[in-house]
Each structure stands twice: as C-alpha cells, then as structure tokens.
Amino acid sequence: MVDKINDTTNTKIKPLLAEHNGDIELVEVRDGVAYVKLLGACSNCPSARFTMEELVCGVLKEIPGVKNVQMADPIGREMLDFARQLLRK
C-alpha cells in the first residue's frame, strides 16, 4: 500500500502542490491511516487544512485500504518518548 500511496502522491498531488512551491511527504501508514507532512510553502499556509481535506484526503482515500489521511505530528514519536522519560524523573 505504501508504494501505491507514494505513486499516487507523486503523480496526482505533488505536481499541484509544486505549483505553489509546496510538497508532501508520506511519513507512515498505520492501521489504514496515511500520515503525511505538508512541506515547503504548504507547511505554514493558511489553506493547508483545505488542501488536506479537499485534495490529499480525497485523492488518497481512493486507494483501497486507505481509511483516512492525517497530518503527521511535527515532533516524532521518538522525541516524544524521550521527553516523557525526562519528565517522569
């Protein structure tokens, strides 16, 4: 499924985002949920939510097995786990 998501992203989503100096990256797929990051100009764009809902989700949910698409946490799990360990001490 990851290959299909990447292929679809490269052919259908990235060219549209590139028109606005943006990009997208697939971070992971877990339990049918694709976690993505918007990059470049799209990362801080006021329309990022609309882009996610209307473009990215709409296109990627057409792929069999993709139940949902969400923005990846800006902070990785490893960093969060490290911070939790520090706070517990």
PDB file of N, CA and C in Angstrom:
ATOM      1  N   MET A   1       0.813  -1.191   0.000  1.00  0.00           N
ATOM      2  CA  MET A   1       0.000   0.000   0.000  1.00  0.00           C
ATOM      3  C   MET A   1       0.862   1.263   0.000  1.00  0.00           C
ATOM      4  N   VAL A   2       2.000   1.208   0.674  1.00  0.00           N
ATOM      5  CA  VAL A   2       2.896   2.367   0.725  1.00  0.00           C
ATOM      6  C   VAL A   2       3.340   2.767  -0.680  1.00  0.00           C
ATOM      7  N   ASP A   3       3.688   1.781  -1.500  1.00  0.00           N
ATOM      8  CA  ASP A   3       4.115   2.089  -2.873  1.00  0.00           C
ATOM      9  C   ASP A   3       2.996   2.750  -3.668  1.00  0.00           C
ATOM     10  N   LYS A   4       1.781   2.261  -3.514  1.00  0.00           N
ATOM     11  CA  LYS A   4       0.635   2.839  -4.217  1.00  0.00           C
ATOM     12  C   LYS A   4       0.381   4.273  -3.757  1.00  0.00           C
ATOM     13  N   ILE A   5       0.487   4.510  -2.454  1.00  0.00           N
ATOM     14  CA  ILE A   5       0.299   5.869  -1.925  1.00  0.00           C
ATOM     15  C   ILE A   5       1.380   6.791  -2.474  1.00  0.00           C
ATOM     16  N   ASN A   6       2.632   6.341  -2.451  1.00  0.00           N
ATOM     17  CA  ASN A   6       3.719   7.166  -2.978  1.00  0.00           C
ATOM     18  C   ASN A   6       3.545   7.441  -4.471  1.00  0.00           C
ATOM     19  N   ASP A   7       3.158   6.420  -5.240  1.00  0.00           N
ATOM     20  CA  ASP A   7       2.941   6.613  -6.676  1.00  0.00           C
ATOM     21  C   ASP A   7       1.832   7.627  -6.937  1.00  0.00           C
ATOM     22  N   THR A   8       0.740   7.479  -6.213  1.00  0.00           N
ATOM     23  CA  THR A   8      -0.397   8.392  -6.371  1.00  0.00           C
ATOM     24  C   THR A   8      -0.021   9.804  -5.946  1.00  0.00           C
ATOM     25  N   THR A   9       0.691   9.907  -4.853  1.00  0.00           N
ATOM     26  CA  THR A   9       1.137  11.217  -4.372  1.00  0.00           C
ATOM     27  C   THR A   9       2.040  11.883  -5.396  1.00  0.00           C
ATOM     28  N   ASN A  10       2.976  11.116  -5.951  1.00  0.00           N
ATOM     29  CA  ASN A  10       3.920  11.673  -6.928  1.00  0.00           C
ATOM     30  C   ASN A  10       3.246  12.128  -8.210  1.00  0.00           C
ATOM     31  N   THR A  11       2.212  11.418  -8.639  1.00  0.00           N
ATOM     32  CA  THR A  11       1.595  11.748  -9.922  1.00  0.00           C
ATOM     33  C   THR A  11       0.411  12.701  -9.820  1.00  0.00           C
ATOM     34  N   LYS A  12      -0.338  12.644  -8.717  1.00  0.00           N
ATOM     35  CA  LYS A  12      -1.563  13.441  -8.632  1.00  0.00           C
ATOM     36  C   LYS A  12      -1.518  14.613  -7.664  1.00  0.00           C
ATOM     37  N   ILE A  13      -0.709  14.508  -6.615  1.00  0.00           N
ATOM     38  CA  ILE A  13      -0.726  15.555  -5.588  1.00  0.00           C
ATOM     39  C   ILE A  13       0.480  16.477  -5.688  1.00  0.00           C
ATOM     40  N   LYS A  14       1.669  15.898  -5.768  1.00  0.00           N
ATOM     41  CA  LYS A  14       2.887  16.713  -5.784  1.00  0.00           C
ATOM     42  C   LYS A  14       2.910  17.752  -6.904  1.00  0.00           C
ATOM     43  N   PRO A  15       2.481  17.408  -8.118  1.00  0.00           N
ATOM     44  CA  PRO A  15       2.505  18.438  -9.174  1.00  0.00           C
ATOM     45  C   PRO A  15       1.626  19.650  -8.843  1.00  0.00           C
ATOM     46  N   LEU A  16       0.487  19.418  -8.204  1.00  0.00           N
ATOM     47  CA  LEU A  16      -0.384  20.532  -7.835  1.00  0.00           C
ATOM     48  C   LEU A  16       0.226  21.370  -6.717  1.00  0.00           C
ATOM     49  N   LEU A  17       0.820  20.708  -5.736  1.00  0.00           N
ATOM     50  CA  LEU A  17       1.456  21.449  -4.641  1.00  0.00           C
ATOM     51  C   LEU A  17       2.681  22.213  -5.129  1.00  0.00           C
ATOM     52  N   ALA A  18       3.399  21.640  -6.089  1.00  0.00           N
ATOM     53  CA  ALA A  18       4.602  22.286  -6.625  1.00  0.00           C
ATOM     54  C   ALA A  18       4.265  23.621  -7.301  1.00  0.00           C
ATOM     55  N   GLU A  19       3.062  23.735  -7.825  1.00  0.00           N
ATOM     56  CA  GLU A  19       2.633  24.998  -8.438  1.00  0.00           C
ATOM     57  C   GLU A  19       2.617  26.138  -7.420  1.00  0.00           C
ATOM     58  N   HIS A  20       2.551  25.784  -6.153  1.00  0.00           N
ATOM     59  CA  HIS A  20       2.513  26.775  -5.066  1.00  0.00           C
ATOM     60  C   HIS A  20       3.752  26.670  -4.179  1.00  0.00           C
ATOM     61  N   ASN A  21       4.821  26.106  -4.735  1.00  0.00           N
ATOM     62  CA  ASN A  21       6.084  25.917  -4.010  1.00  0.00           C
ATOM     63  C   ASN A  21       5.937  25.039  -2.775  1.00  0.00           C
ATOM     64  N   GLY A  22       5.061  24.056  -2.876  1.00  0.00           N
ATOM     65  CA  GLY A  22       4.843  23.145  -1.774  1.00  0.00           C
ATOM     66  C   GLY A  22       5.195  21.721  -2.151  1.00  0.00           C
ATOM     67  N   ASP A  23       5.112  20.855  -1.166  1.00  0.00           N
ATOM     68  CA  ASP A  23       5.428  19.449  -1.369  1.00  0.00           C
ATOM     69  C   ASP A  23       4.699  18.656  -0.286  1.00  0.00           C
ATOM     70  N   ILE A  24       4.781  17.340  -0.389  1.00  0.00           N
ATOM     71  CA  ILE A  24       4.152  16.457   0.582  1.00  0.00           C
ATOM     72  C   ILE A  24       5.051  15.245   0.784  1.00  0.00           C
ATOM     73  N   GLU A  25       5.029  14.708   1.987  1.00  0.00           N
ATOM     74  CA  GLU A  25       5.829  13.521   2.305  1.00  0.00           C
ATOM     75  C   GLU A  25       4.960  12.537   3.078  1.00  0.00           C
ATOM     76  N   LEU A  26       4.993  11.282   2.670  1.00  0.00           N
ATOM     77  CA  LEU A  26       4.332  10.220   3.419  1.00  0.00           C
ATOM     78  C   LEU A  26       5.249   9.832   4.560  1.00  0.00           C
ATOM     79  N   VAL A  27       4.770   9.950   5.786  1.00  0.00           N
ATOM     80  CA  VAL A  27       5.573   9.632   6.958  1.00  0.00           C
ATOM     81  C   VAL A  27       5.421   8.167   7.321  1.00  0.00           C
ATOM     82  N   GLU A  28       4.169   7.698   7.371  1.00  0.00           N
ATOM     83  CA  GLU A  28       3.925   6.298   7.691  1.00  0.00           C
ATOM     84  C   GLU A  28       2.483   5.946   7.369  1.00  0.00           C
ATOM     85  N   VAL A  29       2.227   4.655   7.303  1.00  0.00           N
ATOM     86  CA  VAL A  29       0.873   4.136   7.167  1.00  0.00           C
ATOM     87  C   VAL A  29       0.675   3.165   8.323  1.00  0.00           C
ATOM     88  N   ARG A  30      -0.378   3.423   9.112  1.00  0.00           N
ATOM     89  CA  ARG A  30      -0.639   2.582  10.274  1.00  0.00           C
ATOM     90  C   ARG A  30      -2.137   2.338  10.391  1.00  0.00           C
ATOM     91  N   ASP A  31      -2.526   1.080  10.380  1.00  0.00           N
ATOM     92  CA  ASP A  31      -3.930   0.692  10.529  1.00  0.00           C
ATOM     93  C   ASP A  31      -4.838   1.380   9.502  1.00  0.00           C
ATOM     94  N   GLY A  32      -4.360   1.487   8.273  1.00  0.00           N
ATOM     95  CA  GLY A  32      -5.155   2.080   7.205  1.00  0.00           C
ATOM     96  C   GLY A  32      -5.160   3.595   7.191  1.00  0.00           C
ATOM     97  N   VAL A  33      -4.397   4.216   8.065  1.00  0.00           N
ATOM     98  CA  VAL A  33      -4.316   5.676   8.116  1.00  0.00           C
ATOM     99  C   VAL A  33      -2.960   6.107   7.564  1.00  0.00           C
ATOM    100  N   ALA A  34      -2.994   6.966   6.552  1.00  0.00           N
ATOM    101  CA  ALA A  34      -1.767   7.520   5.975  1.00  0.00           C
ATOM    102  C   ALA A  34      -1.458   8.826   6.698  1.00  0.00           C
ATOM    103  N   TYR A  35      -0.263   8.908   7.257  1.00  0.00           N
ATOM    104  CA  TYR A  35       0.182  10.118   7.946  1.00  0.00           C
ATOM    105  C   TYR A  35       1.141  10.853   7.018  1.00  0.00           C
ATOM    106  N   VAL A  36       0.822  12.114   6.739  1.00  0.00           N
ATOM    107  CA  VAL A  36       1.608  12.895   5.788  1.00  0.00           C
ATOM    108  C   VAL A  36       2.034  14.220   6.405  1.00  0.00           C
ATOM    109  N   LYS A  37       3.061  14.800   5.805  1.00  0.00           N
ATOM    110  CA  LYS A  37       3.523  16.142   6.165  1.00  0.00           C
ATOM    111  C   LYS A  37       3.440  17.005   4.928  1.00  0.00           C
ATOM    112  N   LEU A  38       2.894  18.194   5.070  1.00  0.00           N
ATOM    113  CA  LEU A  38       2.966  19.177   4.001  1.00  0.00           C
ATOM    114  C   LEU A  38       4.270  19.933   4.188  1.00  0.00           C
ATOM    115  N   LEU A  39       4.969  20.149   3.100  1.00  0.00           N
ATOM    116  CA  LEU A  39       6.294  20.768   3.149  1.00  0.00           C
ATOM    117  C   LEU A  39       6.335  22.038   2.302  1.00  0.00           C
ATOM    118  N   GLY A  40       7.428  22.750   2.413  1.00  0.00           N
ATOM    119  CA  GLY A  40       7.614  23.959   1.626  1.00  0.00           C
ATOM    120  C   GLY A  40       6.586  25.007   2.004  1.00  0.00           C
ATOM    121  N   ALA A  41       6.121  25.736   1.015  1.00  0.00           N
ATOM    122  CA  ALA A  41       5.162  26.805   1.261  1.00  0.00           C
ATOM    123  C   ALA A  41       3.847  26.276   1.830  1.00  0.00           C
ATOM    124  N   CYS A  42       3.550  25.013   1.587  1.00  0.00           N
ATOM    125  CA  CYS A  42       2.294  24.428   2.086  1.00  0.00           C
ATOM    126  C   CYS A  42       2.326  24.165   3.587  1.00  0.00           C
ATOM    127  N   SER A  43       3.504  24.061   4.163  1.00  0.00           N
ATOM    128  CA  SER A  43       3.593  23.691   5.576  1.00  0.00           C
ATOM    129  C   SER A  43       2.987  24.736   6.503  1.00  0.00           C
ATOM    130  N   ASN A  44       3.069  26.003   6.159  1.00  0.00           N
ATOM    131  CA  ASN A  44       2.536  27.064   7.015  1.00  0.00           C
ATOM    132  C   ASN A  44       1.437  27.862   6.336  1.00  0.00           C
ATOM    133  N   CYS A  45       0.897  27.324   5.279  1.00  0.00           N
ATOM    134  CA  CYS A  45      -0.114  28.037   4.505  1.00  0.00           C
ATOM    135  C   CYS A  45      -1.451  28.056   5.245  1.00  0.00           C
ATOM    136  N   PRO A  46      -2.149  29.188   5.218  1.00  0.00           N
ATOM    137  CA  PRO A  46      -3.476  29.246   5.844  1.00  0.00           C
ATOM    138  C   PRO A  46      -4.468  28.272   5.202  1.00  0.00           C
ATOM    139  N   SER A  47      -4.214  27.872   3.976  1.00  0.00           N
ATOM    140  CA  SER A  47      -5.111  26.945   3.279  1.00  0.00           C
ATOM    141  C   SER A  47      -4.695  25.487   3.434  1.00  0.00           C
ATOM    142  N   ALA A  48      -3.744  25.198   4.307  1.00  0.00           N
ATOM    143  CA  ALA A  48      -3.251  23.828   4.469  1.00  0.00           C
ATOM    144  C   ALA A  48      -4.369  22.861   4.855  1.00  0.00           C
ATOM    145  N   ARG A  49      -5.259  23.298   5.699  1.00  0.00           N
ATOM    146  CA  ARG A  49      -6.368  22.423   6.115  1.00  0.00           C
ATOM    147  C   ARG A  49      -7.253  22.079   4.923  1.00  0.00           C
ATOM    148  N   PHE A  50      -7.560  23.077   4.115  1.00  0.00           N
ATOM    149  CA  PHE A  50      -8.364  22.852   2.911  1.00  0.00           C
ATOM    150  C   PHE A  50      -7.633  21.913   1.955  1.00  0.00           C
ATOM    151  N   THR A  51      -6.339  22.115   1.794  1.00  0.00           N
ATOM    152  CA  THR A  51      -5.527  21.252   0.925  1.00  0.00           C
ATOM    153  C   THR A  51      -5.584  19.813   1.413  1.00  0.00           C
ATOM    154  N   MET A  52      -5.475  19.617   2.709  1.00  0.00           N
ATOM    155  CA  MET A  52      -5.537  18.266   3.265  1.00  0.00           C
ATOM    156  C   MET A  52      -6.909  17.639   3.036  1.00  0.00           C
ATOM    157  N   GLU A  53      -7.954  18.374   3.370  1.00  0.00           N
ATOM    158  CA  GLU A  53      -9.298  17.821   3.285  1.00  0.00           C
ATOM    159  C   GLU A  53      -9.749  17.588   1.850  1.00  0.00           C
ATOM    160  N   GLU A  54      -9.554  18.571   1.002  1.00  0.00           N
ATOM    161  CA  GLU A  54     -10.105  18.511  -0.346  1.00  0.00           C
ATOM    162  C   GLU A  54      -9.209  17.801  -1.351  1.00  0.00           C
ATOM    163  N   LEU A  55      -7.925  17.967  -1.240  1.00  0.00           N
ATOM    164  CA  LEU A  55      -7.026  17.381  -2.229  1.00  0.00           C
ATOM    165  C   LEU A  55      -6.427  16.070  -1.730  1.00  0.00           C
ATOM    166  N   VAL A  56      -5.638  16.142  -0.693  1.00  0.00           N
ATOM    167  CA  VAL A  56      -4.871  14.981  -0.240  1.00  0.00           C
ATOM    168  C   VAL A  56      -5.794  13.843   0.202  1.00  0.00           C
ATOM    169  N   CYS A  57      -6.730  14.127   1.086  1.00  0.00           N
ATOM    170  CA  CYS A  57      -7.640  13.074   1.565  1.00  0.00           C
ATOM    171  C   CYS A  57      -8.483  12.519   0.425  1.00  0.00           C
ATOM    172  N   GLY A  58      -8.998  13.409  -0.394  1.00  0.00           N
ATOM    173  CA  GLY A  58      -9.841  12.972  -1.499  1.00  0.00           C
ATOM    174  C   GLY A  58      -9.129  12.027  -2.445  1.00  0.00           C
ATOM    175  N   VAL A  59      -7.894  12.333  -2.766  1.00  0.00           N
ATOM    176  CA  VAL A  59      -7.131  11.502  -3.697  1.00  0.00           C
ATOM    177  C   VAL A  59      -6.682  10.200  -3.042  1.00  0.00           C
ATOM    178  N   LEU A  60      -6.129  10.289  -1.843  1.00  0.00           N
ATOM    179  CA  LEU A  60      -5.565   9.087  -1.222  1.00  0.00           C
ATOM    180  C   LEU A  60      -6.628   8.112  -0.720  1.00  0.00           C
ATOM    181  N   LYS A  61      -7.809   8.595  -0.370  1.00  0.00           N
ATOM    182  CA  LYS A  61      -8.869   7.687   0.087  1.00  0.00           C
ATOM    183  C   LYS A  61      -9.414   6.827  -1.052  1.00  0.00           C
ATOM    184  N   GLU A  62      -9.090   7.166  -2.286  1.00  0.00           N
ATOM    185  CA  GLU A  62      -9.487   6.335  -3.425  1.00  0.00           C
ATOM    186  C   GLU A  62      -8.663   5.051  -3.503  1.00  0.00           C
ATOM    187  N   ILE A  63      -7.554   5.005  -2.791  1.00  0.00           N
ATOM    188  CA  ILE A  63      -6.677   3.829  -2.789  1.00  0.00           C
ATOM    189  C   ILE A  63      -7.280   2.783  -1.850  1.00  0.00           C
ATOM    190  N   PRO A  64      -7.480   1.573  -2.352  1.00  0.00           N
ATOM    191  CA  PRO A  64      -8.022   0.525  -1.480  1.00  0.00           C
ATOM    192  C   PRO A  64      -7.142   0.324  -0.239  1.00  0.00           C
ATOM    193  N   GLY A  65      -7.792   0.293   0.906  1.00  0.00           N
ATOM    194  CA  GLY A  65      -7.078   0.086   2.158  1.00  0.00           C
ATOM    195  C   GLY A  65      -6.798   1.361   2.926  1.00  0.00           C
ATOM    196  N   VAL A  66      -6.863   2.520   2.249  1.00  0.00           N
ATOM    197  CA  VAL A  66      -6.643   3.798   2.940  1.00  0.00           C
ATOM    198  C   VAL A  66      -7.979   4.245   3.519  1.00  0.00           C
ATOM    199  N   LYS A  67      -8.075   4.210   4.841  1.00  0.00           N
ATOM    200  CA  LYS A  67      -9.300   4.582   5.536  1.00  0.00           C
ATOM    201  C   LYS A  67      -9.363   6.076   5.822  1.00  0.00           C
ATOM    202  N   ASN A  68      -8.185   6.646   6.095  1.00  0.00           N
ATOM    203  CA  ASN A  68      -8.130   8.056   6.466  1.00  0.00           C
ATOM    204  C   ASN A  68      -6.746   8.597   6.185  1.00  0.00           C
ATOM    205  N   VAL A  69      -6.643   9.919   6.162  1.00  0.00           N
ATOM    206  CA  VAL A  69      -5.363  10.605   5.978  1.00  0.00           C
ATOM    207  C   VAL A  69      -5.280  11.684   7.046  1.00  0.00           C
ATOM    208  N   GLN A  70      -4.156  11.742   7.731  1.00  0.00           N
ATOM    209  CA  GLN A  70      -3.974  12.730   8.788  1.00  0.00           C
ATOM    210  C   GLN A  70      -2.610  13.372   8.678  1.00  0.00           C
ATOM    211  N   MET A  71      -2.520  14.559   9.235  1.00  0.00           N
ATOM    212  CA  MET A  71      -1.227  15.233   9.310  1.00  0.00           C
ATOM    213  C   MET A  71      -0.382  14.508  10.340  1.00  0.00           C
ATOM    214  N   ALA A  72       0.865  14.272  10.018  1.00  0.00           N
ATOM    215  CA  ALA A  72       1.798  13.656  10.956  1.00  0.00           C
ATOM    216  C   ALA A  72       2.164  14.672  12.023  1.00  0.00           C
ATOM    217  N   ASP A  73       2.445  14.169  13.208  1.00  0.00           N
ATOM    218  CA  ASP A  73       2.896  15.055  14.273  1.00  0.00           C
ATOM    219  C   ASP A  73       4.197  15.719  13.857  1.00  0.00           C
ATOM    220  N   PRO A  74       4.331  17.009  14.101  1.00  0.00           N
ATOM    221  CA  PRO A  74       5.581  17.679  13.742  1.00  0.00           C
ATOM    222  C   PRO A  74       6.766  17.182  14.569  1.00  0.00           C
ATOM    223  N   ILE A  75       6.460  16.592  15.720  1.00  0.00           N
ATOM    224  CA  ILE A  75       7.505  16.033  16.573  1.00  0.00           C
ATOM    225  C   ILE A  75       7.388  14.519  16.502  1.00  0.00           C
ATOM    226  N   GLY A  76       8.475  13.843  16.212  1.00  0.00           N
ATOM    227  CA  GLY A  76       8.466  12.394  16.072  1.00  0.00           C
ATOM    228  C   GLY A  76       8.170  11.680  17.375  1.00  0.00           C
ATOM    229  N   ARG A  77       7.725  10.451  17.258  1.00  0.00           N
ATOM    230  CA  ARG A  77       7.413   9.639  18.439  1.00  0.00           C
ATOM    231  C   ARG A  77       8.627   9.438  19.322  1.00  0.00           C
ATOM    232  N   GLU A  78       9.788   9.258  18.702  1.00  0.00           N
ATOM    233  CA  GLU A  78      10.995   9.043  19.498  1.00  0.00           C
ATOM    234  C   GLU A  78      11.279  10.245  20.389  1.00  0.00           C
ATOM    235  N   MET A  79      11.094  11.437  19.843  1.00  0.00           N
ATOM    236  CA  MET A  79      11.326  12.654  20.621  1.00  0.00           C
ATOM    237  C   MET A  79      10.293  12.781  21.737  1.00  0.00           C
ATOM    238  N   LEU A  80       9.041  12.449  21.452  1.00  0.00           N
ATOM    239  CA  LEU A  80       8.013  12.498  22.484  1.00  0.00           C
ATOM    240  C   LEU A  80       8.292  11.494  23.601  1.00  0.00           C
ATOM    241  N   ASP A  81       8.695  10.294  23.244  1.00  0.00           N
ATOM    242  CA  ASP A  81       9.028   9.282  24.249  1.00  0.00           C
ATOM    243  C   ASP A  81      10.198   9.740  25.107  1.00  0.00           C
ATOM    244  N   PHE A  82      11.196  10.353  24.496  1.00  0.00           N
ATOM    245  CA  PHE A  82      12.360  10.866  25.228  1.00  0.00           C
ATOM    246  C   PHE A  82      11.908  11.965  26.204  1.00  0.00           C
ATOM    247  N   ALA A  83      11.054  12.859  25.738  1.00  0.00           N
ATOM    248  CA  ALA A  83      10.574  13.939  26.604  1.00  0.00           C
ATOM    249  C   ALA A  83       9.767  13.387  27.771  1.00  0.00           C
ATOM    250  N   ARG A  84       8.949  12.369  27.503  1.00  0.00           N
ATOM    251  CA  ARG A  84       8.171  11.763  28.587  1.00  0.00           C
ATOM    252  C   ARG A  84       9.079  11.137  29.638  1.00  0.00           C
ATOM    253  N   GLN A  85      10.137  10.469  29.187  1.00  0.00           N
ATOM    254  CA  GLN A  85      11.071   9.863  30.125  1.00  0.00           C
ATOM    255  C   GLN A  85      11.737  10.924  30.993  1.00  0.00           C
ATOM    256  N   LEU A  86      12.104  12.042  30.386  1.00  0.00           N
ATOM    257  CA  LEU A  86      12.718  13.126  31.160  1.00  0.00           C
ATOM    258  C   LEU A  86      11.751  13.696  32.193  1.00  0.00           C
ATOM    259  N   LEU A  87      10.507  13.847  31.800  1.00  0.00           N
ATOM    260  CA  LEU A  87       9.520  14.426  32.708  1.00  0.00           C
ATOM    261  C   LEU A  87       9.160  13.500  33.857  1.00  0.00           C
ATOM    262  N   ARG A  88       9.296  12.222  33.669  1.00  0.00           N
ATOM    263  CA  ARG A  88       8.976  11.247  34.721  1.00  0.00           C
ATOM    264  C   ARG A  88      10.017  11.236  35.834  1.00  0.00           C
ATOM    265  N   LYS A  89      11.206  11.749  35.562  1.00  0.00           N
ATOM    266  CA  LYS A  89      12.285  11.730  36.556  1.00  0.00           C
ATOM    267  C   LYS A  89      12.165  12.841  37.549  1.00  0.00           C
TER     268      LYS A  89
END
